[in-house]
Amino acid sequence: MTKTPLSPYEQASYDLNLFRERRIAERRKADRHTSDRRKGKKKNGSQPDADTFPEGMH
């Protein structure tokens, strides 16, 4: 099957889509070098629990 050549706009759009897909795949594969925030935070006594409201606020 022979394909007609792409117009300059279509070629640029195709190249950009390929670049985006490759970049997204690289970023997903790479290590973040940050702690995972979903694991939960350690609570200390100085900060209030986010699930509770101060007195008089309910």
PDB file of N, CA and C in Angstrom:
ATOM      1  N   MET A   1       0.853  -1.181   0.000  1.00  0.00           N
ATOM      2  CA  MET A   1       0.000   0.000   0.000  1.00  0.00           C
ATOM      3  C   MET A   1       0.890   1.233   0.000  1.00  0.00           C
ATOM      4  N   THR A   2       0.703   2.072  -0.970  1.00  0.00           N
ATOM      5  CA  THR A   2       1.475   3.307  -1.043  1.00  0.00           C
ATOM      6  C   THR A   2       0.684   4.419  -0.390  1.00  0.00           C
ATOM      7  N   LYS A   3       1.400   5.235   0.315  1.00  0.00           N
ATOM      8  CA  LYS A   3       0.757   6.327   1.044  1.00  0.00           C
ATOM      9  C   LYS A   3       1.170   7.654   0.417  1.00  0.00           C
ATOM     10  N   THR A   4       0.229   8.554   0.305  1.00  0.00           N
ATOM     11  CA  THR A   4       0.574   9.857  -0.243  1.00  0.00           C
ATOM     12  C   THR A   4       1.424  10.612   0.767  1.00  0.00           C
ATOM     13  N   PRO A   5       2.358  11.428   0.293  1.00  0.00           N
ATOM     14  CA  PRO A   5       3.185  12.192   1.229  1.00  0.00           C
ATOM     15  C   PRO A   5       2.326  13.143   2.063  1.00  0.00           C
ATOM     16  N   LEU A   6       2.745  13.332   3.289  1.00  0.00           N
ATOM     17  CA  LEU A   6       2.006  14.217   4.185  1.00  0.00           C
ATOM     18  C   LEU A   6       2.328  15.671   3.869  1.00  0.00           C
ATOM     19  N   SER A   7       1.344  16.521   4.123  1.00  0.00           N
ATOM     20  CA  SER A   7       1.599  17.953   3.988  1.00  0.00           C
ATOM     21  C   SER A   7       2.539  18.374   5.112  1.00  0.00           C
ATOM     22  N   PRO A   8       3.187  19.522   4.988  1.00  0.00           N
ATOM     23  CA  PRO A   8       4.084  19.959   6.072  1.00  0.00           C
ATOM     24  C   PRO A   8       3.379  20.045   7.429  1.00  0.00           C
ATOM     25  N   TYR A   9       2.124  20.478   7.443  1.00  0.00           N
ATOM     26  CA  TYR A   9       1.372  20.546   8.696  1.00  0.00           C
ATOM     27  C   TYR A   9       1.143  19.149   9.271  1.00  0.00           C
ATOM     28  N   GLU A  10       0.726  18.215   8.409  1.00  0.00           N
ATOM     29  CA  GLU A  10       0.480  16.845   8.873  1.00  0.00           C
ATOM     30  C   GLU A  10       1.759  16.178   9.357  1.00  0.00           C
ATOM     31  N   GLN A  11       2.877  16.427   8.667  1.00  0.00           N
ATOM     32  CA  GLN A  11       4.149  15.842   9.073  1.00  0.00           C
ATOM     33  C   GLN A  11       4.582  16.403  10.430  1.00  0.00           C
ATOM     34  N   ALA A  12       4.431  17.695  10.629  1.00  0.00           N
ATOM     35  CA  ALA A  12       4.804  18.308  11.908  1.00  0.00           C
ATOM     36  C   ALA A  12       3.926  17.760  13.027  1.00  0.00           C
ATOM     37  N   SER A  13       2.631  17.598  12.762  1.00  0.00           N
ATOM     38  CA  SER A  13       1.718  17.066  13.762  1.00  0.00           C
ATOM     39  C   SER A  13       2.081  15.626  14.117  1.00  0.00           C
ATOM     40  N   TYR A  14       2.396  14.829  13.105  1.00  0.00           N
ATOM     41  CA  TYR A  14       2.791  13.440  13.319  1.00  0.00           C
ATOM     42  C   TYR A  14       4.077  13.362  14.141  1.00  0.00           C
ATOM     43  N   ASP A  15       5.068  14.186  13.783  1.00  0.00           N
ATOM     44  CA  ASP A  15       6.337  14.205  14.516  1.00  0.00           C
ATOM     45  C   ASP A  15       6.134  14.624  15.969  1.00  0.00           C
ATOM     46  N   LEU A  16       5.278  15.619  16.195  1.00  0.00           N
ATOM     47  CA  LEU A  16       5.012  16.083  17.549  1.00  0.00           C
ATOM     48  C   LEU A  16       4.338  14.991  18.375  1.00  0.00           C
ATOM     49  N   ASN A  17       3.386  14.279  17.791  1.00  0.00           N
ATOM     50  CA  ASN A  17       2.723  13.186  18.508  1.00  0.00           C
ATOM     51  C   ASN A  17       3.709  12.092  18.877  1.00  0.00           C
ATOM     52  N   LEU A  18       4.612  11.740  17.950  1.00  0.00           N
ATOM     53  CA  LEU A  18       5.630  10.734  18.248  1.00  0.00           C
ATOM     54  C   LEU A  18       6.527  11.192  19.397  1.00  0.00           C
ATOM     55  N   PHE A  19       6.936  12.463  19.347  1.00  0.00           N
ATOM     56  CA  PHE A  19       7.785  13.014  20.401  1.00  0.00           C
ATOM     57  C   PHE A  19       7.080  12.958  21.755  1.00  0.00           C
ATOM     58  N   ARG A  20       5.820  13.378  21.787  1.00  0.00           N
ATOM     59  CA  ARG A  20       5.062  13.362  23.040  1.00  0.00           C
ATOM     60  C   ARG A  20       4.950  11.957  23.607  1.00  0.00           C
ATOM     61  N   GLU A  21       4.597  10.996  22.759  1.00  0.00           N
ATOM     62  CA  GLU A  21       4.453   9.613  23.225  1.00  0.00           C
ATOM     63  C   GLU A  21       5.770   9.075  23.766  1.00  0.00           C
ATOM     64  N   ARG A  22       6.870   9.360  23.079  1.00  0.00           N
ATOM     65  CA  ARG A  22       8.182   8.899  23.529  1.00  0.00           C
ATOM     66  C   ARG A  22       8.570   9.558  24.851  1.00  0.00           C
ATOM     67  N   ARG A  23       8.306  10.849  24.965  1.00  0.00           N
ATOM     68  CA  ARG A  23       8.656  11.592  26.186  1.00  0.00           C
ATOM     69  C   ARG A  23       7.835  11.093  27.378  1.00  0.00           C
ATOM     70  N   ILE A  24       6.547  10.862  27.184  1.00  0.00           N
ATOM     71  CA  ILE A  24       5.691  10.368  28.260  1.00  0.00           C
ATOM     72  C   ILE A  24       6.165   8.989  28.704  1.00  0.00           C
ATOM     73  N   ALA A  25       6.500   8.128  27.751  1.00  0.00           N
ATOM     74  CA  ALA A  25       6.986   6.792  28.097  1.00  0.00           C
ATOM     75  C   ALA A  25       8.288   6.872  28.889  1.00  0.00           C
ATOM     76  N   GLU A  26       9.191   7.765  28.498  1.00  0.00           N
ATOM     77  CA  GLU A  26      10.455   7.933  29.229  1.00  0.00           C
ATOM     78  C   GLU A  26      10.208   8.415  30.648  1.00  0.00           C
ATOM     79  N   ARG A  27       9.302   9.362  30.810  1.00  0.00           N
ATOM     80  CA  ARG A  27       9.038   9.909  32.149  1.00  0.00           C
ATOM     81  C   ARG A  27       8.379   8.881  33.051  1.00  0.00           C
ATOM     82  N   ARG A  28       7.497   8.058  32.502  1.00  0.00           N
ATOM     83  CA  ARG A  28       6.854   7.022  33.315  1.00  0.00           C
ATOM     84  C   ARG A  28       7.860   5.978  33.765  1.00  0.00           C
ATOM     85  N   LYS A  29       8.850   5.707  32.925  1.00  0.00           N
ATOM     86  CA  LYS A  29       9.832   4.675  33.223  1.00  0.00           C
ATOM     87  C   LYS A  29      10.883   5.168  34.223  1.00  0.00           C
ATOM     88  N   ALA A  30      11.158   6.461  34.256  1.00  0.00           N
ATOM     89  CA  ALA A  30      12.228   7.017  35.085  1.00  0.00           C
ATOM     90  C   ALA A  30      11.840   7.036  36.564  1.00  0.00           C
ATOM     91  N   ASP A  31      12.843   6.915  37.433  1.00  0.00           N
ATOM     92  CA  ASP A  31      12.621   7.048  38.873  1.00  0.00           C
ATOM     93  C   ASP A  31      12.307   8.500  39.196  1.00  0.00           C
ATOM     94  N   ARG A  32      11.489   8.700  40.217  1.00  0.00           N
ATOM     95  CA  ARG A  32      11.077  10.058  40.562  1.00  0.00           C
ATOM     96  C   ARG A  32      12.074  10.789  41.448  1.00  0.00           C
ATOM     97  N   HIS A  33      12.830  10.067  42.232  1.00  0.00           N
ATOM     98  CA  HIS A  33      13.775  10.661  43.197  1.00  0.00           C
ATOM     99  C   HIS A  33      13.054  11.493  44.253  1.00  0.00           C
ATOM    100  N   THR A  34      11.782  11.201  44.483  1.00  0.00           N
ATOM    101  CA  THR A  34      11.022  11.847  45.560  1.00  0.00           C
ATOM    102  C   THR A  34      10.288  10.758  46.320  1.00  0.00           C
ATOM    103  N   SER A  35       9.940  11.060  47.545  1.00  0.00           N
ATOM    104  CA  SER A  35       9.209  10.074  48.324  1.00  0.00           C
ATOM    105  C   SER A  35       7.782   9.966  47.806  1.00  0.00           C
ATOM    106  N   ASP A  36       7.209   8.807  47.974  1.00  0.00           N
ATOM    107  CA  ASP A  36       5.844   8.588  47.540  1.00  0.00           C
ATOM    108  C   ASP A  36       4.907   9.220  48.558  1.00  0.00           C
ATOM    109  N   ARG A  37       4.136  10.180  48.141  1.00  0.00           N
ATOM    110  CA  ARG A  37       3.272  10.923  49.063  1.00  0.00           C
ATOM    111  C   ARG A  37       2.040  10.127  49.467  1.00  0.00           C
ATOM    112  N   ARG A  38       1.733   9.054  48.763  1.00  0.00           N
ATOM    113  CA  ARG A  38       0.536   8.277  49.073  1.00  0.00           C
ATOM    114  C   ARG A  38       0.726   7.340  50.251  1.00  0.00           C
ATOM    115  N   LYS A  39       1.945   7.165  50.732  1.00  0.00           N
ATOM    116  CA  LYS A  39       2.194   6.227  51.819  1.00  0.00           C
ATOM    117  C   LYS A  39       1.654   6.719  53.152  1.00  0.00           C
ATOM    118  N   GLY A  40       1.349   7.972  53.276  1.00  0.00           N
ATOM    119  CA  GLY A  40       0.844   8.523  54.530  1.00  0.00           C
ATOM    120  C   GLY A  40       1.938   9.291  55.240  1.00  0.00           C
ATOM    121  N   LYS A  41       1.526  10.292  55.954  1.00  0.00           N
ATOM    122  CA  LYS A  41       2.492  11.131  56.662  1.00  0.00           C
ATOM    123  C   LYS A  41       2.576  10.716  58.121  1.00  0.00           C
ATOM    124  N   LYS A  42       3.758  10.848  58.673  1.00  0.00           N
ATOM    125  CA  LYS A  42       3.920  10.593  60.106  1.00  0.00           C
ATOM    126  C   LYS A  42       3.379  11.799  60.860  1.00  0.00           C
ATOM    127  N   LYS A  43       2.605  11.536  61.866  1.00  0.00           N
ATOM    128  CA  LYS A  43       1.999  12.628  62.629  1.00  0.00           C
ATOM    129  C   LYS A  43       2.844  12.928  63.849  1.00  0.00           C
ATOM    130  N   ASN A  44       3.061  14.199  64.077  1.00  0.00           N
ATOM    131  CA  ASN A  44       3.707  14.592  65.325  1.00  0.00           C
ATOM    132  C   ASN A  44       2.735  15.479  66.096  1.00  0.00           C
ATOM    133  N   GLY A  45       3.027  15.737  67.319  1.00  0.00           N
ATOM    134  CA  GLY A  45       2.091  16.446  68.177  1.00  0.00           C
ATOM    135  C   GLY A  45       1.911  17.908  67.840  1.00  0.00           C
ATOM    136  N   SER A  46       2.819  18.506  67.090  1.00  0.00           N
ATOM    137  CA  SER A  46       2.737  19.945  66.844  1.00  0.00           C
ATOM    138  C   SER A  46       1.739  20.315  65.753  1.00  0.00           C
ATOM    139  N   GLN A  47       1.416  19.395  64.872  1.00  0.00           N
ATOM    140  CA  GLN A  47       0.491  19.714  63.796  1.00  0.00           C
ATOM    141  C   GLN A  47      -0.851  19.035  64.034  1.00  0.00           C
ATOM    142  N   PRO A  48      -1.954  19.757  63.840  1.00  0.00           N
ATOM    143  CA  PRO A  48      -3.275  19.153  64.060  1.00  0.00           C
ATOM    144  C   PRO A  48      -3.574  18.120  62.989  1.00  0.00           C
ATOM    145  N   ASP A  49      -4.425  17.183  63.317  1.00  0.00           N
ATOM    146  CA  ASP A  49      -4.861  16.173  62.367  1.00  0.00           C
ATOM    147  C   ASP A  49      -5.730  16.852  61.311  1.00  0.00           C
ATOM    148  N   ALA A  50      -5.505  16.564  60.059  1.00  0.00           N
ATOM    149  CA  ALA A  50      -6.239  17.216  58.975  1.00  0.00           C
ATOM    150  C   ALA A  50      -7.704  16.796  58.943  1.00  0.00           C
ATOM    151  N   ASP A  51      -8.049  15.669  59.574  1.00  0.00           N
ATOM    152  CA  ASP A  51      -9.422  15.187  59.537  1.00  0.00           C
ATOM    153  C   ASP A  51     -10.300  15.796  60.631  1.00  0.00           C
ATOM    154  N   THR A  52      -9.739  16.570  61.528  1.00  0.00           N
ATOM    155  CA  THR A  52     -10.513  17.151  62.617  1.00  0.00           C
ATOM    156  C   THR A  52     -10.567  18.674  62.459  1.00  0.00           C
ATOM    157  N   PHE A  53     -11.598  19.251  63.000  1.00  0.00           N
ATOM    158  CA  PHE A  53     -11.763  20.699  62.963  1.00  0.00           C
ATOM    159  C   PHE A  53     -11.499  21.260  64.351  1.00  0.00           C
ATOM    160  N   PRO A  54     -11.020  22.479  64.421  1.00  0.00           N
ATOM    161  CA  PRO A  54     -10.869  23.117  65.730  1.00  0.00           C
ATOM    162  C   PRO A  54     -12.233  23.279  66.408  1.00  0.00           C
ATOM    163  N   GLU A  55     -12.225  23.395  67.698  1.00  0.00           N
ATOM    164  CA  GLU A  55     -13.477  23.566  68.448  1.00  0.00           C
ATOM    165  C   GLU A  55     -14.208  24.811  67.941  1.00  0.00           C
ATOM    166  N   GLY A  56     -15.509  24.685  67.813  1.00  0.00           N
ATOM    167  CA  GLY A  56     -16.326  25.808  67.366  1.00  0.00           C
ATOM    168  C   GLY A  56     -16.453  25.911  65.854  1.00  0.00           C
ATOM    169  N   MET A  57     -15.788  25.042  65.106  1.00  0.00           N
ATOM    170  CA  MET A  57     -15.826  25.123  63.660  1.00  0.00           C
ATOM    171  C   MET A  57     -16.795  24.128  63.014  1.00  0.00           C
ATOM    172  N   HIS A  58     -17.452  23.231  63.816  1.00  0.00           N
ATOM    173  CA  HIS A  58     -18.292  22.239  63.187  1.00  0.00           C
ATOM    174  C   HIS A  58     -19.702  22.738  63.016  1.00  0.00           C
TER     175      HIS A  58
END
